[in-house]
Amino acid sequence: MSENIYAGPWAGGLTEQGFVVKGAVFAGVTSVRLLVDRSSALTSPTAFPGTVSWTDPSGDYRNRIVTVPVTGLEPRTVYHYVLELNGTRQDDRVGRIRTLGRPGEKHDLRFGIGSCSGNDGFFNFGFPHTEAFDALADECSGAGLDFFAHLGDLHYGNIKSDEDLTKRIERYEWFLEMVHHGRLFRNTSVSYCWDDHDFLGNNRSGGDPQYRTAARSALDAYDIFVPHHPFVNSAFGITQAFTAGRVRFLHVDQRFNKTSEGQRTILGGLQKQWLLQELSRAAEFDLVIWASSFPWIAAPDSTSDHWGAYEHERRDIANAIRDLGVRNLCMVSGDAHMLAIDDGSNNRFSSDGHGGFPVFHAAALDSNPSQKGGTYSIGQENGTAGAGIAGKRQYGIVEVTYDRDAAGRPTGTPRVTWIGRRAGKNGTDQPRIRDVIRHEFPAAHSFGGF
């Protein structure tokens, strides 16, 4: 039994040879190990030492955070893990991950995306709605998901001020201790970057002077509790990047340096420079995926909270994509509570309208329906253009698939398949999982009239 665990464990920072596990445990825990085995029964596990990596310096907080780094595993292999605390295995919290393919080698990739996990406010009646999380946990079995990319609004804590660090950690615990959240995040690795509600509150900009202290507190809480890849540069916030086979994944922080006044920016100068440097390397990979926490496709509107409110910065980036001739870029995004896909035809933000790329928007896991941005080439359930399919219990699946040569080896450039799904509402005759929208395209696309 997990008498020592309060929330978790969950895994992140996934590579071809390891991952990181974190969890919240009770104050009496003094020794930590993680047992890892290919067998789900963990009959002959390898033990990795962990640490009690954080305790409240004031001594007031009830829990401690434990961290265990795991290395030396085999690529593209399923492993099971369990925490051992004070010498006792926590056997009702066994986790499962699958390591990534070696960087530079061609491998299929399949991962989930979603955002907007819901809030416990009055207007989200019936919270929590478990269906999307349960469906995604089921997706992890069998062929499974290589990881799940949470695109923001993991919780709706809306912690706006320079409040105590423990309040932010407590909100992460609150999210993870719920059964359906915990089950999903024990059965796959997470790549998570916040948006506004899980950062500083609705539409907040962490680069504004009055929010800088709070933004740094939010970064510290994330670093303590969330298992993650190394930050590219903490001056960017929680931006991370990793490579799975020949796919490059850029999980960009679009809140930490965002400003709403003065010289307005989303990324900040240094992070923008880093992003353009990453895009200049696109030819080294078969596919580059940019994870954006809010919509890119939107009409100019300085009062809104999306890329359309920063049209000059968006145009600079679009011009760079065009000038670099990047033809293997796509974007996944969140924030608006809807499903939508654009094939690139509405993504025309360079000075001459060239250099567009496909965009997949997936939400809401458990938040009230809404729309933002658009128009999208697949924005209605009948597959035609529209403003997006508003709804909850929704998420996305991304599949990157290679052809095979006569020996069964991956070859050529892959195709990308996007599937927007909705889980049926419990207690109804709705299908358990239904495909709502779907789109397939070559990774080496030529959208936008290069």
Protein backbone atom coordinates (compact mmCIF):
# COMPACT_ATOMS: atom_id res chain seq x y z
CA MET A 1 0.00 0.00 0.00
CA SER A 2 1.04 3.63 -0.64
CA GLU A 3 0.88 4.76 2.95
CA ASN A 4 3.77 7.17 2.36
CA ILE A 5 2.67 8.79 -0.94
CA TYR A 6 0.46 11.86 -1.03
CA ALA A 7 0.49 12.56 -4.81
CA GLY A 8 2.18 10.85 -7.75
CA PRO A 9 4.53 9.49 -8.74
CA TRP A 10 4.79 10.86 -12.27
CA ALA A 11 7.54 10.66 -14.88
CA GLY A 12 9.03 13.16 -17.32
CA GLY A 13 12.28 14.22 -18.92
CA LEU A 14 12.06 11.12 -21.13
CA THR A 15 15.03 10.18 -23.35
CA GLU A 16 16.21 7.08 -25.15
CA GLN A 17 17.93 5.84 -22.00
CA GLY A 18 16.09 7.24 -19.02
CA PHE A 19 13.57 9.50 -17.31
CA VAL A 20 12.94 11.38 -14.07
CA VAL A 21 10.33 10.48 -11.43
CA LYS A 22 8.92 12.86 -8.81
CA GLY A 23 6.24 12.60 -6.17
CA ALA A 24 4.90 14.15 -2.99
CA VAL A 25 5.43 12.02 0.11
CA PHE A 26 4.71 12.40 3.81
CA ALA A 27 7.23 13.99 6.12
CA GLY A 28 8.34 10.71 7.68
CA VAL A 29 10.06 9.53 4.49
CA THR A 30 13.84 9.54 4.80
CA SER A 31 14.99 6.93 2.24
CA VAL A 32 13.99 6.76 -1.43
CA ARG A 33 14.65 4.28 -4.22
CA LEU A 34 12.96 3.62 -7.54
CA LEU A 35 12.68 0.00 -8.70
CA VAL A 36 12.63 -0.37 -12.50
CA ASP A 37 11.99 -3.54 -14.50
CA ARG A 38 10.74 -4.63 -17.92
CA SER A 39 8.34 -6.96 -16.13
CA SER A 40 5.10 -5.43 -14.88
CA ALA A 41 5.48 -7.61 -11.78
CA LEU A 42 8.89 -6.02 -11.09
CA THR A 43 10.29 -9.40 -10.11
CA SER A 44 13.96 -8.58 -10.83
CA PRO A 45 14.17 -4.80 -10.70
CA THR A 46 17.13 -2.50 -10.88
CA ALA A 47 17.18 0.00 -8.00
CA PHE A 48 17.97 3.67 -8.58
CA PRO A 49 18.69 5.88 -5.58
CA GLY A 50 16.58 8.97 -5.07
CA THR A 51 16.55 11.94 -2.75
CA VAL A 52 14.14 13.93 -0.68
CA SER A 53 14.82 16.84 -3.00
CA TRP A 54 12.68 19.51 -1.36
CA THR A 55 11.28 20.31 2.04
CA ASP A 56 9.69 23.57 3.10
CA PRO A 57 12.51 25.65 4.64
CA SER A 58 10.03 27.06 7.15
CA GLY A 59 9.10 23.55 8.25
CA ASP A 60 5.40 24.31 7.95
CA TYR A 61 4.47 22.28 4.86
CA ARG A 62 3.13 18.80 5.51
CA ASN A 63 4.84 16.99 2.60
CA ARG A 64 8.20 16.48 0.99
CA ILE A 65 9.06 16.13 -2.70
CA VAL A 66 11.18 13.18 -3.83
CA THR A 67 13.16 12.95 -7.06
CA VAL A 68 14.74 9.93 -8.76
CA PRO A 69 16.74 10.16 -12.01
CA VAL A 70 16.91 6.94 -14.06
CA THR A 71 19.65 6.23 -16.64
CA GLY A 72 21.19 3.35 -18.58
CA LEU A 73 17.99 1.92 -20.10
CA GLU A 74 17.46 0.49 -23.58
CA PRO A 75 15.82 2.62 -26.30
CA ARG A 76 12.19 2.05 -27.34
CA THR A 77 11.55 -0.33 -24.49
CA VAL A 78 8.64 -0.49 -22.04
CA TYR A 79 9.64 -0.29 -18.39
CA HIS A 80 7.65 -0.44 -15.17
CA TYR A 81 8.62 1.36 -11.99
CA VAL A 82 7.61 1.67 -8.35
CA LEU A 83 8.82 3.85 -5.50
CA GLU A 84 10.36 2.21 -2.46
CA LEU A 85 10.03 4.53 0.54
CA ASN A 86 11.61 3.74 3.89
CA GLY A 87 12.23 0.22 2.55
CA THR A 88 8.58 -0.44 1.57
CA ARG A 89 7.40 -0.82 -2.03
CA GLN A 90 4.40 1.33 -2.90
CA ASP A 91 2.85 -1.43 -5.02
CA ASP A 92 -0.50 0.22 -5.72
CA ARG A 93 1.29 3.06 -7.56
CA VAL A 94 3.22 1.13 -10.24
CA GLY A 95 4.10 3.27 -13.25
CA ARG A 96 4.86 2.54 -16.89
CA ILE A 97 6.90 4.36 -19.54
CA ARG A 98 8.44 3.60 -22.93
CA THR A 99 11.85 5.06 -23.70
CA LEU A 100 12.30 7.08 -26.87
CA GLY A 101 14.25 6.08 -29.97
CA ARG A 102 17.89 7.06 -30.29
CA PRO A 103 18.37 10.58 -31.69
CA GLY A 104 19.22 10.41 -35.38
CA GLU A 105 17.61 7.00 -35.99
CA LYS A 106 14.32 6.72 -37.84
CA HIS A 107 11.52 5.47 -35.61
CA ASP A 108 7.76 5.80 -35.55
CA LEU A 109 6.43 8.07 -32.83
CA ARG A 110 2.99 8.27 -31.22
CA PHE A 111 2.04 10.74 -28.52
CA GLY A 112 -0.98 12.45 -27.04
CA ILE A 113 -1.69 16.17 -26.74
CA GLY A 114 -4.23 18.09 -24.72
CA SER A 115 -4.77 21.08 -22.49
CA CYS A 116 -7.22 22.74 -20.11
CA SER A 117 -7.65 20.06 -17.45
CA GLY A 118 -10.61 21.75 -15.82
CA ASN A 119 -11.26 23.66 -12.65
CA ASP A 120 -13.32 23.19 -9.53
CA GLY A 121 -15.25 26.43 -9.97
CA PHE A 122 -19.02 26.79 -9.90
CA PHE A 123 -19.38 27.09 -13.67
CA ASN A 124 -17.64 23.77 -14.40
CA PHE A 125 -20.48 21.84 -12.80
CA GLY A 126 -19.68 18.21 -12.01
CA PHE A 127 -15.89 18.65 -11.94
CA PRO A 128 -13.89 16.50 -12.22
CA HIS A 129 -15.02 14.94 -15.48
CA THR A 130 -12.82 11.87 -15.75
CA GLU A 131 -13.58 10.57 -19.24
CA ALA A 132 -10.75 12.08 -21.30
CA PHE A 133 -8.11 11.18 -18.71
CA ASP A 134 -9.44 7.61 -18.47
CA ALA A 135 -9.48 7.30 -22.27
CA LEU A 136 -5.90 8.57 -22.52
CA ALA A 137 -4.77 6.17 -19.80
CA ASP A 138 -6.30 3.36 -21.86
CA GLU A 139 -4.41 4.66 -24.92
CA CYS A 140 -1.19 4.00 -22.99
CA SER A 141 -1.71 0.21 -23.05
CA GLY A 142 -0.64 -1.99 -25.94
CA ALA A 143 1.28 0.04 -28.54
CA GLY A 144 0.82 2.92 -26.14
CA LEU A 145 1.89 6.53 -26.20
CA ASP A 146 5.53 7.52 -26.21
CA PHE A 147 4.56 10.51 -24.07
CA PHE A 148 1.75 12.96 -23.38
CA ALA A 149 2.29 16.64 -24.13
CA HIS A 150 0.20 18.79 -21.84
CA LEU A 151 -0.07 22.18 -23.53
CA GLY A 152 -1.11 24.27 -20.55
CA ASP A 153 -3.71 24.95 -17.88
CA LEU A 154 -2.88 21.76 -16.04
CA HIS A 155 -4.81 23.32 -13.17
CA TYR A 156 -6.71 26.57 -12.65
CA GLY A 157 -5.03 27.78 -9.49
CA ASN A 158 -4.79 31.36 -10.84
CA ILE A 159 -2.14 32.26 -8.26
CA LYS A 160 -1.58 35.87 -9.24
CA SER A 161 0.57 37.44 -6.55
CA ASP A 162 3.94 36.81 -4.93
CA GLU A 163 2.41 34.12 -2.79
CA ASP A 164 4.21 31.45 -0.83
CA LEU A 165 5.99 28.85 -2.93
CA THR A 166 4.18 26.09 -1.08
CA LYS A 167 0.80 27.30 -2.33
CA ARG A 168 1.94 26.62 -5.90
CA ILE A 169 3.33 23.20 -5.01
CA GLU A 170 0.13 22.38 -3.16
CA ARG A 171 -1.88 23.11 -6.31
CA TYR A 172 0.23 20.65 -8.33
CA GLU A 173 -0.34 18.08 -5.59
CA TRP A 174 -4.08 18.79 -5.67
CA PHE A 175 -4.13 18.01 -9.38
CA LEU A 176 -2.02 14.86 -9.24
CA GLU A 177 -3.66 13.28 -6.20
CA MET A 178 -6.95 12.87 -8.11
CA VAL A 179 -7.34 9.26 -9.20
CA HIS A 180 -7.92 9.78 -12.92
CA HIS A 181 -5.09 12.31 -13.27
CA GLY A 182 -2.75 10.08 -11.30
CA ARG A 183 -3.57 7.01 -13.38
CA LEU A 184 -2.78 8.78 -16.66
CA PHE A 185 0.47 10.32 -15.51
CA ARG A 186 1.73 7.05 -14.01
CA ASN A 187 1.23 5.28 -17.33
CA THR A 188 3.15 7.56 -19.66
CA SER A 189 5.79 10.26 -19.53
CA VAL A 190 4.68 13.89 -19.48
CA SER A 191 6.04 16.89 -21.35
CA TYR A 192 4.23 19.84 -19.81
CA CYS A 193 4.47 23.60 -20.24
CA TRP A 194 2.07 25.97 -18.51
CA ASP A 195 -0.29 28.53 -20.00
CA ASP A 196 -1.98 31.29 -17.99
CA HIS A 197 -4.22 29.69 -15.32
CA ASP A 198 -1.49 27.35 -14.06
CA PHE A 199 1.08 30.16 -14.21
CA LEU A 200 -0.15 33.51 -12.82
CA GLY A 201 -3.84 33.65 -13.70
CA ASN A 202 -6.09 34.47 -16.63
CA ASN A 203 -4.22 36.17 -19.50
CA ARG A 204 -1.30 37.15 -17.23
CA SER A 205 2.02 38.20 -18.73
CA GLY A 206 5.01 37.14 -16.66
CA GLY A 207 7.30 39.70 -18.25
CA ASP A 208 5.36 42.67 -16.88
CA PRO A 209 7.38 44.27 -14.06
CA GLN A 210 4.69 43.79 -11.42
CA TYR A 211 4.64 40.01 -12.03
CA ARG A 212 8.36 39.19 -12.24
CA THR A 213 8.67 38.00 -8.64
CA ALA A 214 5.56 35.85 -8.96
CA ALA A 215 6.82 34.44 -12.28
CA ARG A 216 10.08 33.33 -10.66
CA SER A 217 8.15 31.72 -7.82
CA ALA A 218 6.07 29.83 -10.38
CA LEU A 219 9.25 28.65 -12.13
CA ASP A 220 10.72 27.45 -8.84
CA ALA A 221 7.56 25.49 -7.97
CA TYR A 222 7.52 23.85 -11.41
CA ASP A 223 11.18 22.91 -11.12
CA ILE A 224 10.62 21.37 -7.70
CA PHE A 225 7.53 19.28 -8.44
CA VAL A 226 7.30 18.62 -12.20
CA PRO A 227 9.53 15.95 -13.82
CA HIS A 228 10.98 17.62 -16.89
CA HIS A 229 13.79 17.89 -19.41
CA PRO A 230 16.52 20.40 -18.59
CA PHE A 231 15.43 23.99 -19.16
CA VAL A 232 16.98 25.45 -22.30
CA ASN A 233 17.71 28.59 -20.29
CA SER A 234 15.89 29.53 -17.08
CA ALA A 235 15.78 33.11 -18.40
CA PHE A 236 13.26 31.77 -20.96
CA GLY A 237 11.11 30.19 -18.25
CA ILE A 238 10.38 26.47 -18.52
CA THR A 239 11.18 26.10 -22.25
CA GLN A 240 12.45 22.62 -23.10
CA ALA A 241 13.55 20.75 -26.21
CA PHE A 242 14.25 17.08 -26.92
CA THR A 243 14.75 14.71 -29.82
CA ALA A 244 12.91 11.44 -30.40
CA GLY A 245 14.55 9.56 -33.27
CA ARG A 246 14.52 12.12 -36.07
CA VAL A 247 11.73 14.26 -34.61
CA ARG A 248 12.61 17.47 -32.76
CA PHE A 249 10.11 18.67 -30.13
CA LEU A 250 10.17 22.30 -28.97
CA HIS A 251 8.04 22.97 -25.88
CA VAL A 252 8.14 26.76 -25.74
CA ASP A 253 7.26 28.93 -22.72
CA GLN A 254 5.00 31.71 -24.03
CA ARG A 255 4.08 33.20 -20.63
CA PHE A 256 7.26 33.78 -18.61
CA ASN A 257 8.61 36.65 -20.77
CA LYS A 258 5.34 37.81 -22.30
CA THR A 259 4.66 41.51 -21.81
CA SER A 260 1.40 43.42 -22.20
CA GLU A 261 2.81 46.94 -22.32
CA GLY A 262 5.80 48.86 -23.61
CA GLN A 263 7.74 46.86 -26.21
CA ARG A 264 5.26 44.01 -26.31
CA THR A 265 6.61 40.51 -26.83
CA ILE A 266 5.60 36.92 -26.23
CA LEU A 267 8.98 35.20 -26.30
CA GLY A 268 11.41 37.93 -25.32
CA GLY A 269 14.43 38.68 -27.47
CA LEU A 270 16.72 35.87 -26.30
CA GLN A 271 14.11 33.14 -26.51
CA LYS A 272 13.05 34.34 -29.95
CA GLN A 273 16.70 34.14 -31.05
CA TRP A 274 16.91 30.59 -29.67
CA LEU A 275 13.72 29.56 -31.47
CA LEU A 276 14.97 30.90 -34.79
CA GLN A 277 18.28 29.08 -34.25
CA GLU A 278 16.34 25.85 -33.68
CA LEU A 279 14.34 26.44 -36.84
CA SER A 280 17.56 27.04 -38.81
CA ARG A 281 18.52 23.44 -37.88
CA ALA A 282 15.25 21.97 -39.19
CA ALA A 283 16.98 20.11 -42.04
CA GLU A 284 18.79 17.96 -39.46
CA PHE A 285 15.45 16.32 -38.59
CA ASP A 286 12.60 14.69 -40.44
CA LEU A 287 10.05 16.73 -38.49
CA VAL A 288 10.07 19.69 -36.09
CA ILE A 289 7.10 20.13 -33.75
CA TRP A 290 6.52 23.46 -32.00
CA ALA A 291 4.25 23.17 -28.95
CA SER A 292 2.45 26.48 -28.41
CA SER A 293 0.30 27.02 -25.34
CA PHE A 294 -2.16 29.29 -27.18
CA PRO A 295 -3.41 29.84 -30.76
CA TRP A 296 -1.11 30.99 -33.54
CA ILE A 297 -3.81 31.38 -36.20
CA ALA A 298 -5.83 34.45 -35.29
CA ALA A 299 -6.70 37.81 -36.79
CA PRO A 300 -4.75 40.83 -35.51
CA ASP A 301 -6.33 42.08 -32.28
CA SER A 302 -4.22 43.91 -29.72
CA THR A 303 -6.74 43.24 -26.94
CA SER A 304 -6.73 39.44 -27.25
CA ASP A 305 -4.59 36.77 -25.60
CA HIS A 306 -3.16 34.92 -28.60
CA TRP A 307 -0.51 35.40 -31.29
CA GLY A 308 -2.80 37.77 -33.19
CA ALA A 309 -2.19 40.37 -30.48
CA TYR A 310 1.56 40.26 -31.30
CA GLU A 311 1.38 40.37 -35.08
CA HIS A 312 4.79 42.03 -35.51
CA GLU A 313 6.58 39.25 -33.60
CA ARG A 314 4.53 36.60 -35.39
CA ARG A 315 5.40 38.16 -38.76
CA ASP A 316 9.12 38.19 -37.89
CA ILE A 317 8.99 34.48 -37.08
CA ALA A 318 6.91 33.67 -40.16
CA ASN A 319 9.34 35.60 -42.36
CA ALA A 320 12.26 33.65 -40.86
CA ILE A 321 10.49 30.32 -41.52
CA ARG A 322 9.94 31.39 -45.12
CA ASP A 323 13.50 32.66 -45.60
CA LEU A 324 15.01 29.54 -44.05
CA GLY A 325 12.89 27.37 -46.33
CA VAL A 326 11.63 25.28 -43.41
CA ARG A 327 9.28 22.65 -44.88
CA ASN A 328 9.09 20.13 -42.05
CA LEU A 329 7.55 22.24 -39.28
CA CYS A 330 4.17 21.83 -37.65
CA MET A 331 2.55 23.19 -34.49
CA VAL A 332 0.38 21.73 -31.74
CA SER A 333 -1.45 24.18 -29.49
CA GLY A 334 -3.94 24.58 -26.67
CA ASP A 335 -5.78 27.19 -24.55
CA ALA A 336 -9.08 27.48 -26.47
CA HIS A 337 -11.44 24.67 -25.45
CA MET A 338 -11.87 23.12 -28.89
CA LEU A 339 -10.51 20.79 -31.56
CA ALA A 340 -9.26 22.27 -34.83
CA ILE A 341 -6.79 21.50 -37.61
CA ASP A 342 -5.36 23.79 -40.25
CA ASP A 343 -3.50 22.35 -43.21
CA GLY A 344 -1.49 25.56 -43.59
CA SER A 345 -3.91 27.35 -45.88
CA ASN A 346 -4.96 29.81 -43.13
CA ASN A 347 -1.43 30.15 -41.76
CA ARG A 348 -0.20 33.03 -43.94
CA PHE A 349 1.51 35.45 -41.60
CA SER A 350 4.75 36.27 -43.40
CA SER A 351 5.01 39.54 -45.28
CA ASP A 352 4.11 37.85 -48.57
CA GLY A 353 1.92 35.04 -47.21
CA HIS A 354 4.47 32.30 -47.92
CA GLY A 355 5.98 29.74 -45.55
CA GLY A 356 2.90 28.47 -43.74
CA PHE A 357 2.75 25.18 -41.82
CA PRO A 358 0.04 22.87 -40.40
CA VAL A 359 -1.46 23.51 -36.94
CA PHE A 360 -3.32 21.11 -34.63
CA HIS A 361 -5.33 22.50 -31.73
CA ALA A 362 -6.50 20.06 -29.01
CA ALA A 363 -8.67 20.91 -25.97
CA ALA A 364 -10.45 20.78 -23.63
CA LEU A 365 -9.69 17.81 -21.44
CA ASP A 366 -12.13 19.04 -18.81
CA SER A 367 -13.14 22.68 -19.19
CA ASN A 368 -16.22 24.36 -20.59
CA PRO A 369 -16.36 24.69 -24.41
CA SER A 370 -14.95 27.81 -26.07
CA GLN A 371 -13.36 29.00 -29.32
CA LYS A 372 -10.42 31.25 -30.08
CA GLY A 373 -8.54 32.15 -33.23
CA GLY A 374 -9.22 30.64 -36.62
CA THR A 375 -10.46 30.14 -39.25
CA TYR A 376 -9.15 26.53 -39.52
CA SER A 377 -9.36 24.36 -42.63
CA ILE A 378 -10.95 21.62 -40.48
CA GLY A 379 -12.97 23.55 -37.96
CA GLN A 380 -16.30 21.74 -37.98
CA GLU A 381 -17.27 18.14 -37.28
CA ASN A 382 -18.19 17.59 -40.95
CA GLY A 383 -14.56 18.26 -41.88
CA THR A 384 -15.10 21.70 -43.40
CA ALA A 385 -13.58 25.06 -42.48
CA GLY A 386 -14.69 26.76 -39.30
CA ALA A 387 -13.82 28.39 -36.00
CA GLY A 388 -13.13 25.14 -34.15
CA ILE A 389 -15.16 22.38 -32.51
CA ALA A 390 -15.81 23.60 -29.00
CA GLY A 391 -16.14 20.93 -26.34
CA LYS A 392 -14.77 19.10 -23.31
CA ARG A 393 -13.50 15.51 -22.92
CA GLN A 394 -11.37 16.21 -26.03
CA TYR A 395 -7.73 15.49 -26.83
CA GLY A 396 -5.41 14.75 -29.75
CA ILE A 397 -3.22 11.91 -30.96
CA VAL A 398 -0.14 12.57 -33.11
CA GLU A 399 1.35 9.71 -35.14
CA VAL A 400 4.61 9.96 -37.10
CA THR A 401 4.92 6.90 -39.33
CA TYR A 402 7.63 5.74 -41.74
CA ASP A 403 7.42 3.44 -44.72
CA ARG A 404 9.42 0.20 -44.42
CA ASP A 405 12.01 -1.25 -46.78
CA ALA A 406 12.20 -4.94 -47.70
CA ALA A 407 13.97 -5.70 -44.41
CA GLY A 408 11.31 -3.89 -42.38
CA ARG A 409 13.48 -0.89 -41.57
CA PRO A 410 12.01 2.63 -41.47
CA THR A 411 12.90 4.56 -44.60
CA GLY A 412 12.31 7.88 -46.31
CA THR A 413 10.47 10.77 -44.69
CA PRO A 414 7.47 10.09 -42.49
CA ARG A 415 3.82 10.93 -42.75
CA VAL A 416 2.06 12.72 -39.93
CA THR A 417 -1.45 11.81 -38.82
CA TRP A 418 -3.48 14.01 -36.50
CA ILE A 419 -6.59 12.63 -34.81
CA GLY A 420 -8.87 14.79 -32.67
CA ARG A 421 -10.83 12.60 -30.26
CA ARG A 422 -13.69 12.99 -27.81
CA ALA A 423 -14.42 10.65 -24.93
CA GLY A 424 -18.06 9.77 -24.32
CA LYS A 425 -19.79 11.13 -21.27
CA ASN A 426 -20.17 8.62 -18.46
CA GLY A 427 -23.73 7.41 -17.90
CA THR A 428 -24.78 7.95 -21.52
CA ASP A 429 -24.88 5.79 -24.65
CA GLN A 430 -22.12 7.86 -26.29
CA PRO A 431 -19.17 5.89 -27.74
CA ARG A 432 -16.30 5.36 -25.32
CA ILE A 433 -13.94 7.20 -27.73
CA ARG A 434 -14.89 8.86 -31.00
CA ASP A 435 -12.66 10.31 -33.71
CA VAL A 436 -13.98 13.81 -34.40
CA ILE A 437 -11.46 15.14 -36.93
CA ARG A 438 -8.49 13.69 -38.76
CA HIS A 439 -5.77 14.96 -41.08
CA GLU A 440 -2.72 13.36 -42.69
CA PHE A 441 0.19 15.08 -44.41
CA PRO A 442 3.83 14.45 -45.38
CA ALA A 443 6.35 15.68 -42.83
CA ALA A 444 8.31 17.26 -45.69
CA HIS A 445 5.40 19.44 -46.77
CA SER A 446 5.36 22.43 -49.10
CA PHE A 447 2.48 24.44 -47.68
CA GLY A 448 2.56 28.19 -48.02
CA GLY A 449 3.98 28.48 -51.52
CA PHE A 450 7.75 28.45 -50.92
